[in-house]
Amino acid sequence: MNTDLDELYRKYAPDVFRFALYLSGERSDAEDITSETFVRVWTSDTPIELATVRGYLFTIARNLFLQSRRTTARTVALGESLRATRASPHEETEQRDELTAVMACLRTLPEIDRAAVVMRAEYDMPYEEIAAALGISVSAAKVKVHRARLALAGFRTGVSQ
């Protein structure tokens, strides 16, 4: 099991971390959620199905996020640590401002909508896995992703939703 868990961690920890970061907006919270997710997998008696392991990990991470949100009701600004490429200082400022604006818009969405759109857009998860991870129907998952995308598109173009 150690080797399997090591492989799972190496393969999925970056995705779980990014997902947790999108949900929480705070690097330290995302790190905590990621580590706790894998501790829960390690200590669980439930067998892991490799076909749906990413959805299973995201479900655990989301539940941990919701649990932490219930205990602390705080809003946290996202830092600059997500920059991926080197650009000119002007381009970096524009990218940072756009990322900050998109993350702010994401935080205005209901948590379940935010989780659904991140799973679909960032991880290209099938709607069936999204539905299973969120405990909703496939059609509800599609509607949540669609509405979240419309809200984000409206926000980027300056149209209020």
N, C-alpha and C. Protein backbone atom coordinates (compact mmCIF):
# COMPACT_ATOMS: atom_id res chain seq x y z
N MET A 1 0.82 -1.20 0.00
CA MET A 1 0.00 0.00 0.00
C MET A 1 0.86 1.26 0.00
N ASN A 2 2.02 1.25 0.67
CA ASN A 2 2.88 2.44 0.70
C ASN A 2 3.29 2.88 -0.69
N THR A 3 3.71 1.92 -1.51
CA THR A 3 4.11 2.27 -2.87
C THR A 3 2.94 2.83 -3.64
N ASP A 4 1.75 2.22 -3.48
CA ASP A 4 0.58 2.72 -4.17
C ASP A 4 0.23 4.13 -3.70
N LEU A 5 0.30 4.36 -2.39
CA LEU A 5 0.01 5.69 -1.87
C LEU A 5 1.07 6.69 -2.34
N ASP A 6 2.32 6.26 -2.37
CA ASP A 6 3.38 7.14 -2.89
C ASP A 6 3.09 7.53 -4.33
N GLU A 7 2.70 6.54 -5.14
CA GLU A 7 2.37 6.82 -6.54
C GLU A 7 1.18 7.75 -6.64
N LEU A 8 0.13 7.48 -5.86
CA LEU A 8 -1.05 8.34 -5.87
C LEU A 8 -0.68 9.77 -5.50
N TYR A 9 0.15 9.90 -4.46
CA TYR A 9 0.54 11.22 -4.02
C TYR A 9 1.32 11.96 -5.11
N ARG A 10 2.31 11.31 -5.67
CA ARG A 10 3.11 11.95 -6.73
C ARG A 10 2.25 12.35 -7.92
N LYS A 11 1.30 11.50 -8.27
CA LYS A 11 0.49 11.74 -9.46
C LYS A 11 -0.59 12.80 -9.22
N TYR A 12 -1.24 12.77 -8.06
CA TYR A 12 -2.43 13.59 -7.85
C TYR A 12 -2.27 14.76 -6.87
N ALA A 13 -1.22 14.80 -6.10
CA ALA A 13 -1.06 15.88 -5.11
C ALA A 13 -1.06 17.26 -5.77
N PRO A 14 -0.38 17.46 -6.90
CA PRO A 14 -0.43 18.80 -7.52
C PRO A 14 -1.85 19.21 -7.92
N ASP A 15 -2.62 18.25 -8.45
CA ASP A 15 -4.01 18.55 -8.84
C ASP A 15 -4.86 18.86 -7.62
N VAL A 16 -4.72 18.07 -6.58
CA VAL A 16 -5.48 18.29 -5.35
C VAL A 16 -5.10 19.65 -4.75
N PHE A 17 -3.82 19.97 -4.76
CA PHE A 17 -3.37 21.27 -4.24
C PHE A 17 -3.99 22.42 -5.02
N ARG A 18 -3.92 22.36 -6.36
CA ARG A 18 -4.49 23.44 -7.17
C ARG A 18 -6.00 23.56 -6.93
N PHE A 19 -6.68 22.42 -6.86
CA PHE A 19 -8.12 22.43 -6.61
C PHE A 19 -8.41 23.08 -5.26
N ALA A 20 -7.66 22.70 -4.24
CA ALA A 20 -7.85 23.27 -2.91
C ALA A 20 -7.53 24.76 -2.91
N LEU A 21 -6.53 25.16 -3.69
CA LEU A 21 -6.18 26.57 -3.78
C LEU A 21 -7.29 27.36 -4.46
N TYR A 22 -7.88 26.79 -5.50
CA TYR A 22 -9.00 27.47 -6.15
C TYR A 22 -10.17 27.62 -5.18
N LEU A 23 -10.41 26.62 -4.36
CA LEU A 23 -11.52 26.69 -3.42
C LEU A 23 -11.24 27.68 -2.29
N SER A 24 -10.05 27.59 -1.71
CA SER A 24 -9.77 28.36 -0.50
C SER A 24 -9.19 29.74 -0.78
N GLY A 25 -8.42 29.87 -1.86
CA GLY A 25 -7.78 31.15 -2.15
C GLY A 25 -6.56 31.42 -1.29
N GLU A 26 -6.16 30.46 -0.48
CA GLU A 26 -5.05 30.64 0.44
C GLU A 26 -4.09 29.47 0.32
N ARG A 27 -2.83 29.77 0.03
CA ARG A 27 -1.82 28.73 -0.19
C ARG A 27 -1.66 27.81 1.02
N SER A 28 -1.58 28.38 2.20
CA SER A 28 -1.37 27.54 3.39
C SER A 28 -2.57 26.64 3.65
N ASP A 29 -3.79 27.16 3.41
CA ASP A 29 -4.98 26.31 3.56
C ASP A 29 -4.98 25.19 2.53
N ALA A 30 -4.57 25.51 1.31
CA ALA A 30 -4.52 24.49 0.25
C ALA A 30 -3.51 23.41 0.59
N GLU A 31 -2.37 23.81 1.15
CA GLU A 31 -1.37 22.82 1.56
C GLU A 31 -1.93 21.91 2.66
N ASP A 32 -2.62 22.50 3.63
CA ASP A 32 -3.22 21.72 4.71
C ASP A 32 -4.28 20.76 4.18
N ILE A 33 -5.13 21.25 3.30
CA ILE A 33 -6.18 20.41 2.72
C ILE A 33 -5.57 19.27 1.94
N THR A 34 -4.54 19.56 1.16
CA THR A 34 -3.88 18.52 0.35
C THR A 34 -3.29 17.44 1.24
N SER A 35 -2.55 17.84 2.26
CA SER A 35 -1.93 16.83 3.13
C SER A 35 -2.99 16.04 3.88
N GLU A 36 -4.02 16.70 4.36
CA GLU A 36 -5.08 16.00 5.09
C GLU A 36 -5.85 15.05 4.17
N THR A 37 -6.01 15.43 2.91
CA THR A 37 -6.68 14.56 1.94
C THR A 37 -5.95 13.22 1.84
N PHE A 38 -4.64 13.27 1.71
CA PHE A 38 -3.88 12.04 1.56
C PHE A 38 -3.77 11.26 2.87
N VAL A 39 -3.80 11.95 3.99
CA VAL A 39 -3.84 11.25 5.28
C VAL A 39 -5.15 10.47 5.38
N ARG A 40 -6.24 11.09 4.96
CA ARG A 40 -7.54 10.40 5.01
C ARG A 40 -7.55 9.18 4.09
N VAL A 41 -6.95 9.30 2.92
CA VAL A 41 -6.88 8.15 2.01
C VAL A 41 -6.04 7.05 2.64
N TRP A 42 -4.93 7.43 3.22
CA TRP A 42 -4.01 6.46 3.83
C TRP A 42 -4.67 5.71 4.98
N THR A 43 -5.46 6.41 5.78
CA THR A 43 -6.07 5.79 6.96
C THR A 43 -7.44 5.17 6.67
N SER A 44 -7.94 5.32 5.48
CA SER A 44 -9.26 4.81 5.13
C SER A 44 -9.24 3.31 4.87
N ASP A 45 -10.31 2.65 5.27
CA ASP A 45 -10.47 1.23 4.97
C ASP A 45 -11.14 1.01 3.62
N THR A 46 -11.65 2.08 3.03
CA THR A 46 -12.34 2.00 1.75
C THR A 46 -11.34 1.72 0.63
N PRO A 47 -11.60 0.69 -0.19
CA PRO A 47 -10.68 0.43 -1.31
C PRO A 47 -10.76 1.57 -2.34
N ILE A 48 -9.63 1.86 -2.95
CA ILE A 48 -9.55 2.94 -3.92
C ILE A 48 -9.76 2.38 -5.32
N GLU A 49 -10.70 2.97 -6.04
CA GLU A 49 -10.93 2.58 -7.43
C GLU A 49 -10.14 3.54 -8.31
N LEU A 50 -9.18 3.02 -9.03
CA LEU A 50 -8.29 3.88 -9.82
C LEU A 50 -9.02 4.65 -10.90
N ALA A 51 -10.13 4.11 -11.41
CA ALA A 51 -10.87 4.79 -12.47
C ALA A 51 -11.46 6.12 -11.98
N THR A 52 -11.76 6.22 -10.70
CA THR A 52 -12.39 7.43 -10.17
C THR A 52 -11.59 8.06 -9.04
N VAL A 53 -10.31 7.77 -8.97
CA VAL A 53 -9.50 8.22 -7.84
C VAL A 53 -9.41 9.75 -7.77
N ARG A 54 -9.32 10.43 -8.88
CA ARG A 54 -9.21 11.89 -8.85
C ARG A 54 -10.49 12.51 -8.28
N GLY A 55 -11.63 12.01 -8.73
CA GLY A 55 -12.90 12.49 -8.18
C GLY A 55 -13.01 12.21 -6.69
N TYR A 56 -12.55 11.04 -6.27
CA TYR A 56 -12.55 10.66 -4.85
C TYR A 56 -11.67 11.62 -4.04
N LEU A 57 -10.49 11.93 -4.55
CA LEU A 57 -9.59 12.86 -3.87
C LEU A 57 -10.18 14.26 -3.81
N PHE A 58 -10.79 14.71 -4.91
CA PHE A 58 -11.42 16.03 -4.93
C PHE A 58 -12.59 16.09 -3.97
N THR A 59 -13.33 15.00 -3.85
CA THR A 59 -14.44 14.97 -2.90
C THR A 59 -13.93 15.14 -1.47
N ILE A 60 -12.87 14.43 -1.13
CA ILE A 60 -12.28 14.57 0.21
C ILE A 60 -11.79 16.00 0.41
N ALA A 61 -11.07 16.53 -0.57
CA ALA A 61 -10.53 17.89 -0.45
C ALA A 61 -11.66 18.91 -0.30
N ARG A 62 -12.71 18.77 -1.08
CA ARG A 62 -13.84 19.69 -0.99
C ARG A 62 -14.50 19.60 0.37
N ASN A 63 -14.70 18.39 0.87
CA ASN A 63 -15.31 18.23 2.19
C ASN A 63 -14.44 18.85 3.28
N LEU A 64 -13.13 18.70 3.16
CA LEU A 64 -12.23 19.32 4.14
C LEU A 64 -12.32 20.85 4.06
N PHE A 65 -12.40 21.37 2.83
CA PHE A 65 -12.55 22.82 2.66
C PHE A 65 -13.85 23.31 3.31
N LEU A 66 -14.95 22.60 3.02
CA LEU A 66 -16.24 23.00 3.59
C LEU A 66 -16.21 22.92 5.12
N GLN A 67 -15.56 21.90 5.62
CA GLN A 67 -15.44 21.75 7.07
C GLN A 67 -14.66 22.92 7.68
N SER A 68 -13.57 23.31 7.04
CA SER A 68 -12.78 24.42 7.57
C SER A 68 -13.53 25.74 7.42
N ARG A 69 -14.32 25.87 6.37
CA ARG A 69 -15.10 27.09 6.16
C ARG A 69 -16.20 27.24 7.20
N ARG A 70 -16.73 26.12 7.63
CA ARG A 70 -17.76 26.18 8.67
C ARG A 70 -17.18 26.66 10.00
N THR A 71 -15.93 26.35 10.24
CA THR A 71 -15.33 26.75 11.52
C THR A 71 -14.76 28.17 11.48
N THR A 72 -14.40 28.64 10.30
CA THR A 72 -13.87 30.01 10.18
C THR A 72 -14.52 30.69 8.99
N ALA A 73 -15.16 31.80 9.25
CA ALA A 73 -15.82 32.55 8.18
C ALA A 73 -14.95 33.76 7.85
N ARG A 74 -13.95 33.54 7.02
CA ARG A 74 -13.04 34.63 6.67
C ARG A 74 -12.84 34.66 5.16
N THR A 75 -12.55 35.82 4.64
CA THR A 75 -12.23 35.99 3.24
C THR A 75 -10.76 36.32 3.14
N VAL A 76 -10.06 35.62 2.25
CA VAL A 76 -8.62 35.79 2.14
C VAL A 76 -8.28 36.18 0.71
N ALA A 77 -7.42 37.15 0.57
CA ALA A 77 -6.96 37.57 -0.76
C ALA A 77 -5.93 36.57 -1.27
N LEU A 78 -5.98 36.30 -2.55
CA LEU A 78 -5.04 35.38 -3.19
C LEU A 78 -3.73 36.10 -3.45
N GLY A 79 -2.63 35.46 -3.12
CA GLY A 79 -1.31 36.05 -3.31
C GLY A 79 -0.82 35.97 -4.74
N GLU A 80 0.40 36.40 -4.93
CA GLU A 80 0.99 36.44 -6.25
C GLU A 80 1.67 35.13 -6.63
N SER A 81 1.55 34.11 -5.84
CA SER A 81 2.33 32.89 -6.03
C SER A 81 1.88 32.02 -7.20
N LEU A 82 0.84 32.42 -7.93
CA LEU A 82 0.36 31.59 -9.02
C LEU A 82 0.94 31.95 -10.39
N ARG A 83 1.80 32.93 -10.44
CA ARG A 83 2.38 33.30 -11.74
C ARG A 83 3.16 32.14 -12.32
N ALA A 84 2.88 31.81 -13.59
CA ALA A 84 3.50 30.64 -14.20
C ALA A 84 4.60 31.01 -15.20
N THR A 85 4.52 32.16 -15.83
CA THR A 85 5.48 32.50 -16.88
C THR A 85 6.12 33.85 -16.58
N ARG A 86 7.25 34.05 -17.22
CA ARG A 86 7.93 35.34 -17.10
C ARG A 86 7.45 36.23 -18.22
N ALA A 87 6.98 37.39 -17.86
CA ALA A 87 6.53 38.36 -18.84
C ALA A 87 7.12 39.71 -18.45
N SER A 88 6.86 40.71 -19.27
CA SER A 88 7.34 42.05 -18.94
C SER A 88 6.62 42.53 -17.68
N PRO A 89 7.19 43.50 -16.98
CA PRO A 89 6.53 43.99 -15.77
C PRO A 89 5.10 44.47 -16.04
N HIS A 90 4.88 45.10 -17.18
CA HIS A 90 3.54 45.56 -17.53
C HIS A 90 2.60 44.38 -17.74
N GLU A 91 3.05 43.37 -18.47
CA GLU A 91 2.23 42.18 -18.71
C GLU A 91 1.97 41.43 -17.41
N GLU A 92 2.99 41.37 -16.56
CA GLU A 92 2.81 40.71 -15.27
C GLU A 92 1.75 41.42 -14.43
N THR A 93 1.76 42.73 -14.45
CA THR A 93 0.76 43.49 -13.71
C THR A 93 -0.63 43.24 -14.26
N GLU A 94 -0.76 43.25 -15.58
CA GLU A 94 -2.05 42.97 -16.19
C GLU A 94 -2.54 41.56 -15.87
N GLN A 95 -1.62 40.58 -15.97
CA GLN A 95 -1.99 39.20 -15.66
C GLN A 95 -2.38 39.06 -14.20
N ARG A 96 -1.63 39.68 -13.32
CA ARG A 96 -1.93 39.60 -11.89
C ARG A 96 -3.28 40.24 -11.59
N ASP A 97 -3.54 41.40 -12.21
CA ASP A 97 -4.83 42.07 -12.00
C ASP A 97 -5.98 41.22 -12.53
N GLU A 98 -5.78 40.62 -13.70
CA GLU A 98 -6.84 39.77 -14.27
C GLU A 98 -7.06 38.54 -13.40
N LEU A 99 -5.99 37.91 -12.95
CA LEU A 99 -6.12 36.74 -12.07
C LEU A 99 -6.82 37.11 -10.78
N THR A 100 -6.44 38.24 -10.20
CA THR A 100 -7.09 38.70 -8.97
C THR A 100 -8.57 38.92 -9.20
N ALA A 101 -8.91 39.53 -10.34
CA ALA A 101 -10.32 39.79 -10.65
C ALA A 101 -11.09 38.50 -10.87
N VAL A 102 -10.50 37.55 -11.60
CA VAL A 102 -11.17 36.27 -11.84
C VAL A 102 -11.34 35.51 -10.53
N MET A 103 -10.30 35.49 -9.70
CA MET A 103 -10.41 34.79 -8.42
C MET A 103 -11.46 35.46 -7.53
N ALA A 104 -11.54 36.79 -7.58
CA ALA A 104 -12.58 37.49 -6.81
C ALA A 104 -13.96 37.11 -7.32
N CYS A 105 -14.10 37.02 -8.63
CA CYS A 105 -15.38 36.60 -9.21
C CYS A 105 -15.69 35.16 -8.82
N LEU A 106 -14.69 34.30 -8.88
CA LEU A 106 -14.90 32.91 -8.46
C LEU A 106 -15.39 32.84 -7.02
N ARG A 107 -14.83 33.67 -6.15
CA ARG A 107 -15.23 33.63 -4.75
C ARG A 107 -16.66 34.13 -4.54
N THR A 108 -17.22 34.88 -5.50
CA THR A 108 -18.60 35.33 -5.37
C THR A 108 -19.59 34.24 -5.74
N LEU A 109 -19.12 33.23 -6.46
CA LEU A 109 -20.01 32.13 -6.86
C LEU A 109 -20.28 31.24 -5.65
N PRO A 110 -21.44 30.60 -5.63
CA PRO A 110 -21.67 29.60 -4.58
C PRO A 110 -20.58 28.53 -4.66
N GLU A 111 -20.19 28.01 -3.51
CA GLU A 111 -19.07 27.07 -3.44
C GLU A 111 -19.26 25.88 -4.37
N ILE A 112 -20.45 25.34 -4.45
CA ILE A 112 -20.69 24.16 -5.28
C ILE A 112 -20.51 24.50 -6.76
N ASP A 113 -20.92 25.70 -7.18
CA ASP A 113 -20.72 26.14 -8.57
C ASP A 113 -19.23 26.32 -8.86
N ARG A 114 -18.53 26.94 -7.89
CA ARG A 114 -17.08 27.16 -8.04
C ARG A 114 -16.36 25.82 -8.18
N ALA A 115 -16.72 24.87 -7.32
CA ALA A 115 -16.08 23.55 -7.39
C ALA A 115 -16.37 22.88 -8.73
N ALA A 116 -17.60 22.97 -9.19
CA ALA A 116 -17.97 22.32 -10.45
C ALA A 116 -17.20 22.92 -11.64
N VAL A 117 -17.12 24.23 -11.71
CA VAL A 117 -16.45 24.85 -12.85
C VAL A 117 -14.95 24.61 -12.81
N VAL A 118 -14.36 24.58 -11.62
CA VAL A 118 -12.92 24.30 -11.51
C VAL A 118 -12.64 22.87 -11.93
N MET A 119 -13.46 21.92 -11.47
CA MET A 119 -13.26 20.52 -11.86
C MET A 119 -13.33 20.36 -13.38
N ARG A 120 -14.27 21.06 -14.00
CA ARG A 120 -14.45 20.93 -15.44
C ARG A 120 -13.37 21.70 -16.22
N ALA A 121 -13.14 22.94 -15.86
CA ALA A 121 -12.22 23.79 -16.64
C ALA A 121 -10.76 23.45 -16.40
N GLU A 122 -10.39 23.27 -15.15
CA GLU A 122 -8.98 23.04 -14.83
C GLU A 122 -8.56 21.59 -15.01
N TYR A 123 -9.47 20.67 -14.70
CA TYR A 123 -9.10 19.25 -14.69
C TYR A 123 -9.81 18.43 -15.77
N ASP A 124 -10.67 19.08 -16.57
CA ASP A 124 -11.37 18.43 -17.67
C ASP A 124 -12.08 17.15 -17.21
N MET A 125 -12.64 17.21 -16.02
CA MET A 125 -13.34 16.04 -15.48
C MET A 125 -14.66 15.86 -16.21
N PRO A 126 -15.04 14.63 -16.48
CA PRO A 126 -16.35 14.39 -17.08
C PRO A 126 -17.47 14.82 -16.12
N TYR A 127 -18.59 15.21 -16.68
CA TYR A 127 -19.71 15.64 -15.85
C TYR A 127 -20.16 14.55 -14.87
N GLU A 128 -20.03 13.31 -15.28
CA GLU A 128 -20.42 12.21 -14.40
C GLU A 128 -19.58 12.19 -13.12
N GLU A 129 -18.27 12.42 -13.26
CA GLU A 129 -17.39 12.46 -12.09
C GLU A 129 -17.66 13.70 -11.24
N ILE A 130 -17.92 14.82 -11.89
CA ILE A 130 -18.24 16.04 -11.15
C ILE A 130 -19.51 15.81 -10.34
N ALA A 131 -20.52 15.24 -10.98
CA ALA A 131 -21.78 14.98 -10.30
C ALA A 131 -21.57 14.06 -9.10
N ALA A 132 -20.79 13.01 -9.29
CA ALA A 132 -20.54 12.08 -8.19
C ALA A 132 -19.77 12.76 -7.06
N ALA A 133 -18.79 13.57 -7.40
CA ALA A 133 -17.98 14.24 -6.38
C ALA A 133 -18.80 15.25 -5.58
N LEU A 134 -19.77 15.89 -6.24
CA LEU A 134 -20.56 16.92 -5.58
C LEU A 134 -21.88 16.39 -5.02
N GLY A 135 -22.21 15.14 -5.35
CA GLY A 135 -23.44 14.55 -4.85
C GLY A 135 -24.69 15.13 -5.50
N ILE A 136 -24.59 15.44 -6.81
CA ILE A 136 -25.72 15.99 -7.54
C ILE A 136 -25.91 15.19 -8.82
N SER A 137 -26.99 15.47 -9.56
CA SER A 137 -27.22 14.76 -10.82
C SER A 137 -26.29 15.29 -11.90
N VAL A 138 -26.14 14.53 -12.96
CA VAL A 138 -25.29 14.94 -14.09
C VAL A 138 -25.85 16.22 -14.71
N SER A 139 -27.17 16.28 -14.88
CA SER A 139 -27.74 17.49 -15.49
C SER A 139 -27.53 18.71 -14.58
N ALA A 140 -27.60 18.52 -13.28
CA ALA A 140 -27.34 19.64 -12.35
C ALA A 140 -25.88 20.07 -12.45
N ALA A 141 -24.97 19.12 -12.61
CA ALA A 141 -23.55 19.46 -12.76
C ALA A 141 -23.34 20.30 -14.03
N LYS A 142 -24.00 19.90 -15.11
CA LYS A 142 -23.87 20.66 -16.36
C LYS A 142 -24.41 22.07 -16.20
N VAL A 143 -25.54 22.20 -15.52
CA VAL A 143 -26.14 23.52 -15.31
C VAL A 143 -25.22 24.38 -14.45
N LYS A 144 -24.65 23.81 -13.40
CA LYS A 144 -23.77 24.57 -12.51
C LYS A 144 -22.53 25.06 -13.26
N VAL A 145 -21.94 24.21 -14.08
CA VAL A 145 -20.76 24.61 -14.85
C VAL A 145 -21.14 25.70 -15.85
N HIS A 146 -22.27 25.53 -16.52
CA HIS A 146 -22.72 26.51 -17.51
C HIS A 146 -22.97 27.87 -16.86
N ARG A 147 -23.68 27.88 -15.76
CA ARG A 147 -23.99 29.14 -15.07
C ARG A 147 -22.73 29.81 -14.53
N ALA A 148 -21.81 29.02 -14.02
CA ALA A 148 -20.56 29.59 -13.51
C ALA A 148 -19.76 30.20 -14.65
N ARG A 149 -19.73 29.51 -15.79
CA ARG A 149 -19.00 30.06 -16.94
C ARG A 149 -19.64 31.36 -17.42
N LEU A 150 -20.98 31.41 -17.44
CA LEU A 150 -21.67 32.64 -17.83
C LEU A 150 -21.34 33.78 -16.86
N ALA A 151 -21.32 33.48 -15.58
CA ALA A 151 -20.99 34.50 -14.59
C ALA A 151 -19.57 35.02 -14.79
N LEU A 152 -18.64 34.10 -15.02
CA LEU A 152 -17.24 34.51 -15.24
C LEU A 152 -17.10 35.29 -16.54
N ALA A 153 -17.78 34.85 -17.58
CA ALA A 153 -17.71 35.57 -18.86
C ALA A 153 -18.31 36.96 -18.71
N GLY A 154 -19.42 37.06 -18.01
CA GLY A 154 -20.05 38.37 -17.78
C GLY A 154 -19.17 39.27 -16.96
N PHE A 155 -18.48 38.70 -15.99
CA PHE A 155 -17.58 39.48 -15.14
C PHE A 155 -16.42 40.03 -15.96
N ARG A 156 -15.86 39.18 -16.83
CA ARG A 156 -14.69 39.60 -17.62
C ARG A 156 -15.06 40.67 -18.64
N THR A 157 -16.32 40.65 -19.12
CA THR A 157 -16.72 41.64 -20.11
C THR A 157 -17.39 42.85 -19.47
N GLY A 158 -17.53 42.81 -18.13
CA GLY A 158 -18.10 43.93 -17.42
C GLY A 158 -19.61 43.90 -17.33
N VAL A 159 -20.22 42.79 -17.75
CA VAL A 159 -21.68 42.67 -17.67
C VAL A 159 -22.02 42.06 -16.32
N SER A 160 -22.92 42.67 -15.59
CA SER A 160 -23.28 42.10 -14.28
C SER A 160 -24.26 40.96 -14.47
N GLN A 161 -24.10 39.95 -13.61
CA GLN A 161 -24.97 38.78 -13.67
C GLN A 161 -25.99 38.84 -12.58
